[in-house]
Amino acid sequence: MLLAEDLSERVIGLAITVHRHTGRGLLESVYEQCLCYELTQAGLPFERQVAVPVIYRGVQIGSLSVILCARHNRRQGGVSCRAKSGNWNAM
């Protein structure tokens, strides 16, 4: 089982690999597909388009939509590669 730090290092390395092969200027969805390919080839489990709650002082105030979430075990999320804007509750 990978530790969170080891997972972070591997995912960042794979993201750099994608960037080196594709260069810059492509659509985000292309980079997402390429990184999913690399994660699969590396045997790293991941989820796409994950809603992550934002908790403030014990109250859920909104959520973030994480585009890609690698997992270092079945119960706990690992690394989010990029988050889109979230949904926030008015207080």
Protein backbone atom coordinates (compact mmCIF):
# COMPACT_ATOMS: atom_id res chain seq x y z
CA MET A 1 0.00 0.00 0.00
CA LEU A 2 1.27 3.46 -0.88
CA LEU A 3 1.58 6.19 1.70
CA ALA A 4 -0.10 9.49 0.82
CA GLU A 5 3.29 11.16 0.24
CA ASP A 6 4.40 8.36 -2.10
CA LEU A 7 1.12 8.56 -3.99
CA SER A 8 1.48 12.32 -4.34
CA GLU A 9 4.97 11.90 -5.76
CA ARG A 10 3.84 9.25 -8.26
CA VAL A 11 0.81 11.24 -9.45
CA ILE A 12 2.86 14.42 -9.86
CA GLY A 13 5.45 12.43 -11.81
CA LEU A 14 2.77 11.05 -14.11
CA ALA A 15 1.31 14.54 -14.61
CA ILE A 16 4.77 15.79 -15.60
CA THR A 17 5.07 12.86 -18.02
CA VAL A 18 1.76 13.85 -19.63
CA HIS A 19 2.87 17.47 -19.92
CA ARG A 20 6.21 16.49 -21.47
CA HIS A 21 4.48 14.36 -24.11
CA THR A 22 1.61 16.71 -24.93
CA GLY A 23 3.04 20.16 -24.33
CA ARG A 24 0.79 23.04 -23.41
CA GLY A 25 -2.29 24.59 -24.95
CA LEU A 26 -4.63 21.59 -25.13
CA LEU A 27 -8.09 21.38 -23.60
CA GLU A 28 -8.27 20.29 -19.97
CA SER A 29 -10.27 17.22 -21.00
CA VAL A 30 -7.33 16.01 -23.13
CA TYR A 31 -4.94 16.26 -20.18
CA GLU A 32 -7.49 14.47 -18.00
CA GLN A 33 -7.75 11.59 -20.51
CA CYS A 34 -3.96 11.33 -20.77
CA LEU A 35 -3.48 11.33 -17.00
CA CYS A 36 -6.20 8.67 -16.62
CA TYR A 37 -4.29 6.55 -19.14
CA GLU A 38 -1.03 7.01 -17.20
CA LEU A 39 -2.70 6.22 -13.85
CA THR A 40 -4.21 3.06 -15.33
CA GLN A 41 -0.87 1.97 -16.81
CA ALA A 42 0.78 2.56 -13.43
CA GLY A 43 -1.87 0.44 -11.69
CA LEU A 44 -3.05 3.32 -9.51
CA PRO A 45 -6.78 3.36 -8.74
CA PHE A 46 -8.59 6.66 -9.21
CA GLU A 47 -12.02 8.24 -9.56
CA ARG A 48 -13.18 10.96 -11.93
CA GLN A 49 -15.50 13.89 -11.21
CA VAL A 50 -15.71 13.40 -7.43
CA ALA A 51 -17.80 15.76 -5.26
CA VAL A 52 -15.86 16.58 -2.09
CA PRO A 53 -17.70 18.30 0.78
CA VAL A 54 -16.17 21.43 2.30
CA ILE A 55 -16.59 21.39 6.08
CA TYR A 56 -16.13 24.53 8.17
CA ARG A 57 -16.37 24.23 11.94
CA GLY A 58 -18.37 21.06 11.66
CA VAL A 59 -20.84 22.40 9.08
CA GLN A 60 -20.85 21.52 5.41
CA ILE A 61 -20.77 24.89 3.65
CA GLY A 62 -20.40 23.64 0.11
CA SER A 63 -18.57 21.22 -2.10
CA LEU A 64 -15.81 21.11 -4.65
CA SER A 65 -15.96 19.11 -7.84
CA VAL A 66 -12.59 17.36 -8.06
CA ILE A 67 -11.80 16.36 -11.60
CA LEU A 68 -9.50 13.48 -10.73
CA CYS A 69 -8.91 11.80 -7.38
CA ALA A 70 -6.27 9.10 -6.95
CA ARG A 71 -6.77 6.70 -4.04
CA HIS A 72 -4.17 5.28 -1.69
CA ASN A 73 -6.61 2.89 -0.06
CA ARG A 74 -10.27 2.06 -0.44
CA ARG A 75 -11.55 4.37 2.28
CA GLN A 76 -9.51 7.54 1.94
CA GLY A 77 -8.91 9.92 -0.95
CA GLY A 78 -5.41 10.71 -2.03
CA VAL A 79 -4.49 13.48 -4.41
CA SER A 80 -6.81 15.80 -6.26
CA CYS A 81 -5.15 16.94 -9.43
CA ARG A 82 -7.30 20.00 -9.97
CA ALA A 83 -10.58 21.25 -8.57
CA LYS A 84 -13.25 23.09 -10.51
CA SER A 85 -15.30 25.79 -8.85
CA GLY A 86 -17.54 24.52 -6.10
CA ASN A 87 -21.11 24.96 -5.03
CA TRP A 88 -21.41 27.17 -1.97
CA ASN A 89 -24.35 27.58 0.35
CA ALA A 90 -25.45 31.13 1.21
CA MET A 91 -25.20 31.75 4.94
